[in-house]
Amino acid sequence: MNGPALAIEMSQRGGSIAIGDGTRAPQVRALPSSERDRSDPLLAEIDALAREVGVAPRGLGAIIVSIGPGGFTGLRISVTAAKLLAAMLARPLVAVPSALVAAAGTDRTGRTIVALASKRESAWITIVEGQGRDVAIVGAPGIRTASEIDVAALGASALLADEYVPAAMVERAKAAGAAVISPRFRAEACLEVGLAMLQRGELADPVSLAPLYPREPEAVTLWRERHGE
C-alpha cells in the first residue's frame, strides 16, 4: 500500500473518519451527526483530516468503508463517497461489514453475537469470532428472532446490541451466561479491520458496491406507497 488508508464509519447515528497505515495510532475525526442530516460535510471533513495528517488525496493508499447494516442516510452518503474516491484516485476499496467494526471495538475474544438493524422481534444477526483486526464472520448473517438463536450452542461469550434489540434476545443471552454490551462503531476499528482485509486481498468493486440493507429502507417503502409502486 502506497500511503495511509482512509476509513469511513457512518453506519450509525454518530460518525467518524480515520487515516492511518497500521504502524501507529491513526488520526481520527468525529463527524457531527446533526449536520449530517441536513447536508453532506463528509468530503470537507476528509479534506480537513488529510490536511492535518499532511497527505494529499492522491497520497492515500486505500479507501475503507463500513457498509452496514445501519442508518439509510449515513450509509448512502459514506458508501457513495468511498466509491467515488476509490474510482477517482484508482485506489483499492475495502468494504467492512459493520458487525466486524463493532466486534473489533471491544476487548472480547472468542465468539460474539452482533445484533444490528433491530425491528420488532427480529434483528440482523452476525456471528463474529476473533479479536481486534483478526475478526471474521462465522456462517451466514441474516435476520433472526430470539428463538432462532441458540447462544449456548454457538459458544458466544457476548451479545453486542443497542437499546433497540428485542428484549427476548437480551434475556436469552443473559440466561446463557453471555455479557450484553452496547456496541461502539469507531473509524479506527474500521481502519484496523479494513487493513487486515486489504492484506488478504479482500477488495470491493467500486461500481457494484452497495450498502448492506437487511430490509428495504423505510424511506424507499414510503416512496413506493405514495407513488403507487
Protein backbone atom coordinates (compact mmCIF):
# COMPACT_ATOMS: atom_id res chain seq x y z
CA MET A 1 0.00 0.00 0.00
CA ASN A 2 1.43 3.32 -1.08
CA GLY A 3 0.35 5.78 1.59
CA PRO A 4 -2.06 5.64 4.54
CA ALA A 5 -5.63 4.41 4.19
CA LEU A 6 -8.80 6.40 4.78
CA ALA A 7 -11.56 4.70 6.79
CA ILE A 8 -15.15 5.98 6.90
CA GLU A 9 -17.62 4.83 9.58
CA MET A 10 -21.09 6.34 9.23
CA SER A 11 -23.27 3.29 9.71
CA GLN A 12 -24.89 4.59 12.89
CA ARG A 13 -26.03 7.97 14.25
CA GLY A 14 -22.55 9.13 15.18
CA GLY A 15 -19.86 9.01 12.54
CA SER A 16 -16.09 9.33 12.26
CA ILE A 17 -13.23 9.04 9.81
CA ALA A 18 -9.65 7.91 10.32
CA ILE A 19 -6.41 7.99 8.36
CA GLY A 20 -3.55 5.62 9.17
CA ASP A 21 -1.30 2.86 7.91
CA GLY A 22 -1.49 0.43 10.83
CA THR A 23 2.01 1.13 12.15
CA ARG A 24 0.98 3.83 14.62
CA ALA A 25 -2.16 5.33 16.13
CA PRO A 26 -4.36 6.78 13.35
CA GLN A 27 -5.61 10.34 13.14
CA VAL A 28 -9.35 10.39 13.83
CA ARG A 29 -12.02 12.99 13.26
CA ALA A 30 -15.59 12.86 14.57
CA LEU A 31 -18.46 13.75 12.24
CA PRO A 32 -21.30 15.82 13.74
CA SER A 33 -24.44 13.75 13.25
CA SER A 34 -26.81 16.72 13.48
CA GLU A 35 -25.19 18.37 10.46
CA ARG A 36 -25.12 15.10 8.56
CA ASP A 37 -28.93 15.08 8.45
CA ARG A 38 -29.11 18.48 6.74
CA SER A 39 -26.12 18.45 4.44
CA ASP A 40 -23.14 16.42 3.47
CA PRO A 41 -19.98 17.57 5.25
CA LEU A 42 -18.16 14.29 4.71
CA LEU A 43 -15.86 15.27 1.85
CA ALA A 44 -14.99 18.54 3.58
CA GLU A 45 -14.15 16.65 6.78
CA ILE A 46 -11.99 14.17 4.84
CA ASP A 47 -10.13 17.07 3.25
CA ALA A 48 -9.61 18.71 6.65
CA LEU A 49 -8.31 15.50 8.23
CA ALA A 50 -5.99 14.83 5.29
CA ARG A 51 -4.54 18.32 5.71
CA GLU A 52 -3.95 17.64 9.41
CA VAL A 53 -2.13 14.43 8.56
CA GLY A 54 -0.20 16.13 5.77
CA VAL A 55 -1.32 13.87 2.95
CA ALA A 56 -2.82 14.88 -0.38
CA PRO A 57 -5.82 12.93 -1.70
CA ARG A 58 -3.61 11.08 -4.17
CA GLY A 59 -1.33 10.18 -1.29
CA LEU A 60 -3.98 7.89 0.15
CA GLY A 61 -3.20 4.21 -0.36
CA ALA A 62 -6.70 2.71 0.06
CA ILE A 63 -10.30 3.60 0.87
CA ILE A 64 -12.11 1.62 3.58
CA VAL A 65 -15.80 1.98 4.41
CA SER A 66 -18.22 0.45 6.90
CA ILE A 67 -21.15 -0.84 4.80
CA GLY A 68 -23.84 -1.64 7.38
CA PRO A 69 -26.37 -2.59 8.44
CA GLY A 70 -27.19 0.82 9.79
CA GLY A 71 -28.90 4.08 9.01
CA PHE A 72 -30.06 4.66 5.45
CA THR A 73 -28.73 8.22 5.06
CA GLY A 74 -25.33 7.68 6.67
CA LEU A 75 -24.62 4.53 4.69
CA ARG A 76 -25.80 6.04 1.41
CA ILE A 77 -23.51 9.04 1.86
CA SER A 78 -20.46 7.16 3.11
CA VAL A 79 -20.57 4.30 0.61
CA THR A 80 -21.14 6.69 -2.29
CA ALA A 81 -18.21 8.86 -1.17
CA ALA A 82 -15.94 5.83 -0.74
CA LYS A 83 -16.80 4.53 -4.21
CA LEU A 84 -16.21 7.96 -5.73
CA LEU A 85 -12.82 8.38 -4.06
CA ALA A 86 -11.68 4.86 -4.92
CA ALA A 87 -12.65 5.31 -8.57
CA MET A 88 -11.22 8.81 -8.96
CA LEU A 89 -7.95 8.01 -7.20
CA ALA A 90 -7.67 4.48 -8.62
CA ARG A 91 -7.17 3.07 -5.13
CA PRO A 92 -8.26 -0.26 -3.62
CA LEU A 93 -11.68 -0.21 -1.98
CA VAL A 94 -12.41 -2.32 1.10
CA ALA A 95 -15.99 -2.91 2.32
CA VAL A 96 -16.16 -3.78 6.02
CA PRO A 97 -19.40 -5.22 7.45
CA SER A 98 -20.36 -3.01 10.38
CA ALA A 99 -20.66 -6.08 12.63
CA LEU A 100 -16.88 -6.51 12.31
CA VAL A 101 -16.37 -2.85 13.21
CA ALA A 102 -18.45 -3.33 16.36
CA ALA A 103 -16.66 -6.55 17.34
CA ALA A 104 -13.21 -5.08 16.72
CA GLY A 105 -14.07 -2.21 19.02
CA THR A 106 -14.27 -4.47 22.08
CA ASP A 107 -11.65 -6.42 24.02
CA ARG A 108 -13.65 -9.66 23.77
CA THR A 109 -12.12 -12.85 22.45
CA GLY A 110 -13.89 -15.91 21.12
CA ARG A 111 -17.34 -15.73 19.58
CA THR A 112 -19.63 -12.74 19.75
CA ILE A 113 -23.18 -12.25 18.54
CA VAL A 114 -23.70 -8.85 16.93
CA ALA A 115 -27.32 -7.74 16.61
CA LEU A 116 -27.96 -4.82 14.25
CA ALA A 117 -30.96 -3.28 12.50
CA SER A 118 -33.41 -4.46 15.16
CA LYS A 119 -37.06 -4.20 14.23
CA ARG A 120 -39.98 -5.57 16.22
CA GLU A 121 -38.88 -9.01 17.40
CA SER A 122 -36.03 -9.57 14.94
CA ALA A 123 -32.54 -8.26 14.20
CA TRP A 124 -29.75 -8.74 11.67
CA ILE A 125 -27.55 -11.30 13.41
CA THR A 126 -23.86 -11.80 12.66
CA ILE A 127 -21.66 -14.30 14.48
CA VAL A 128 -18.12 -12.94 14.79
CA GLU A 129 -15.03 -14.75 16.00
CA GLY A 130 -11.62 -13.35 16.95
CA GLN A 131 -10.30 -10.11 18.40
CA GLY A 132 -9.17 -6.74 17.12
CA ARG A 133 -8.22 -6.74 13.47
CA ASP A 134 -8.33 -10.55 13.40
CA VAL A 135 -12.11 -10.81 13.44
CA ALA A 136 -14.08 -12.86 10.96
CA ILE A 137 -17.70 -13.71 10.28
CA VAL A 138 -18.78 -17.27 11.09
CA GLY A 139 -21.60 -18.66 8.97
CA ALA A 140 -24.13 -16.57 7.08
CA PRO A 141 -25.56 -13.42 8.68
CA GLY A 142 -29.28 -12.85 8.45
CA ILE A 143 -32.48 -11.68 10.11
CA ARG A 144 -33.25 -13.81 13.16
CA THR A 145 -35.65 -13.81 16.09
CA ALA A 146 -34.59 -14.69 19.64
CA SER A 147 -35.98 -18.21 19.32
CA GLU A 148 -33.70 -18.82 16.33
CA ILE A 149 -30.51 -18.04 18.26
CA ASP A 150 -29.01 -20.77 20.45
CA VAL A 151 -26.43 -18.76 22.37
CA ALA A 152 -25.12 -21.74 24.34
CA ALA A 153 -24.69 -23.92 21.25
CA LEU A 154 -22.86 -21.12 19.47
CA GLY A 155 -20.44 -20.76 22.35
CA ALA A 156 -20.83 -16.99 22.30
CA SER A 157 -19.46 -15.04 25.25
CA ALA A 158 -21.17 -11.74 24.43
CA LEU A 159 -24.09 -10.10 22.66
CA LEU A 160 -23.34 -6.71 21.11
CA ALA A 161 -26.63 -4.88 20.79
CA ASP A 162 -28.02 -1.36 21.13
CA GLU A 163 -31.12 -0.30 23.05
CA TYR A 164 -33.42 -1.32 20.21
CA VAL A 165 -32.58 -5.04 20.37
CA PRO A 166 -35.60 -7.24 21.20
CA ALA A 167 -35.81 -7.89 24.94
CA ALA A 168 -36.13 -11.61 24.31
CA MET A 169 -32.64 -11.65 22.74
CA VAL A 170 -31.16 -9.96 25.78
CA GLU A 171 -32.87 -12.40 28.12
CA ARG A 172 -31.71 -15.37 26.06
CA ALA A 173 -28.11 -14.13 26.05
CA LYS A 174 -28.07 -13.49 29.79
CA ALA A 175 -29.60 -16.91 30.50
CA ALA A 176 -26.70 -18.49 28.60
CA GLY A 177 -24.15 -16.51 30.62
CA ALA A 178 -23.21 -14.13 27.82
CA ALA A 179 -22.41 -10.49 28.52
CA VAL A 180 -24.66 -7.90 26.89
CA ILE A 181 -22.60 -4.96 25.62
CA SER A 182 -23.54 -1.75 23.83
CA PRO A 183 -21.55 -1.66 20.58
CA ARG A 184 -19.22 1.15 19.55
CA PHE A 185 -18.73 1.99 15.90
CA ARG A 186 -15.39 3.75 15.51
CA ALA A 187 -13.48 4.66 12.36
CA GLU A 188 -10.23 3.44 13.91
CA ALA A 189 -11.74 -0.05 14.34
CA CYS A 190 -12.99 0.08 10.75
CA LEU A 191 -9.48 1.06 9.65
CA GLU A 192 -7.89 -1.78 11.61
CA VAL A 193 -10.19 -4.46 10.18
CA GLY A 194 -10.03 -2.94 6.70
CA LEU A 195 -6.24 -3.00 6.62
CA ALA A 196 -6.28 -6.70 7.52
CA MET A 197 -8.81 -7.36 4.74
CA LEU A 198 -6.66 -5.36 2.33
CA GLN A 199 -3.65 -7.52 3.14
CA ARG A 200 -5.73 -10.62 2.37
CA GLY A 201 -6.82 -9.15 -0.95
CA GLU A 202 -10.47 -8.82 0.07
CA LEU A 203 -11.42 -5.91 -2.15
CA ALA A 204 -14.73 -4.47 -3.31
CA ASP A 205 -15.75 -3.28 -6.77
CA PRO A 206 -16.37 0.50 -6.74
CA VAL A 207 -19.03 0.08 -9.41
CA SER A 208 -21.16 -2.62 -7.82
CA LEU A 209 -20.69 -1.99 -4.09
CA ALA A 210 -23.91 -1.13 -2.26
CA PRO A 211 -24.75 -0.56 1.40
CA LEU A 212 -25.94 -3.59 3.35
CA TYR A 213 -29.64 -3.02 3.98
CA PRO A 214 -31.23 -6.10 5.64
CA ARG A 215 -34.68 -4.73 4.91
CA GLU A 216 -35.97 -2.24 2.43
CA PRO A 217 -35.29 1.23 3.88
CA GLU A 218 -38.44 2.89 5.24
CA ALA A 219 -37.81 5.90 3.00
CA VAL A 220 -37.98 3.63 -0.06
CA THR A 221 -41.11 1.89 1.22
CA LEU A 222 -42.87 5.21 1.82
CA TRP A 223 -41.85 6.47 -1.63
CA ARG A 224 -43.31 3.36 -3.30
CA GLU A 225 -46.53 3.62 -1.30
CA ARG A 226 -47.00 7.30 -2.13
CA HIS A 227 -46.34 6.73 -5.83
CA GLY A 228 -48.39 3.54 -6.16
CA GLU A 229 -45.49 1.22 -6.99
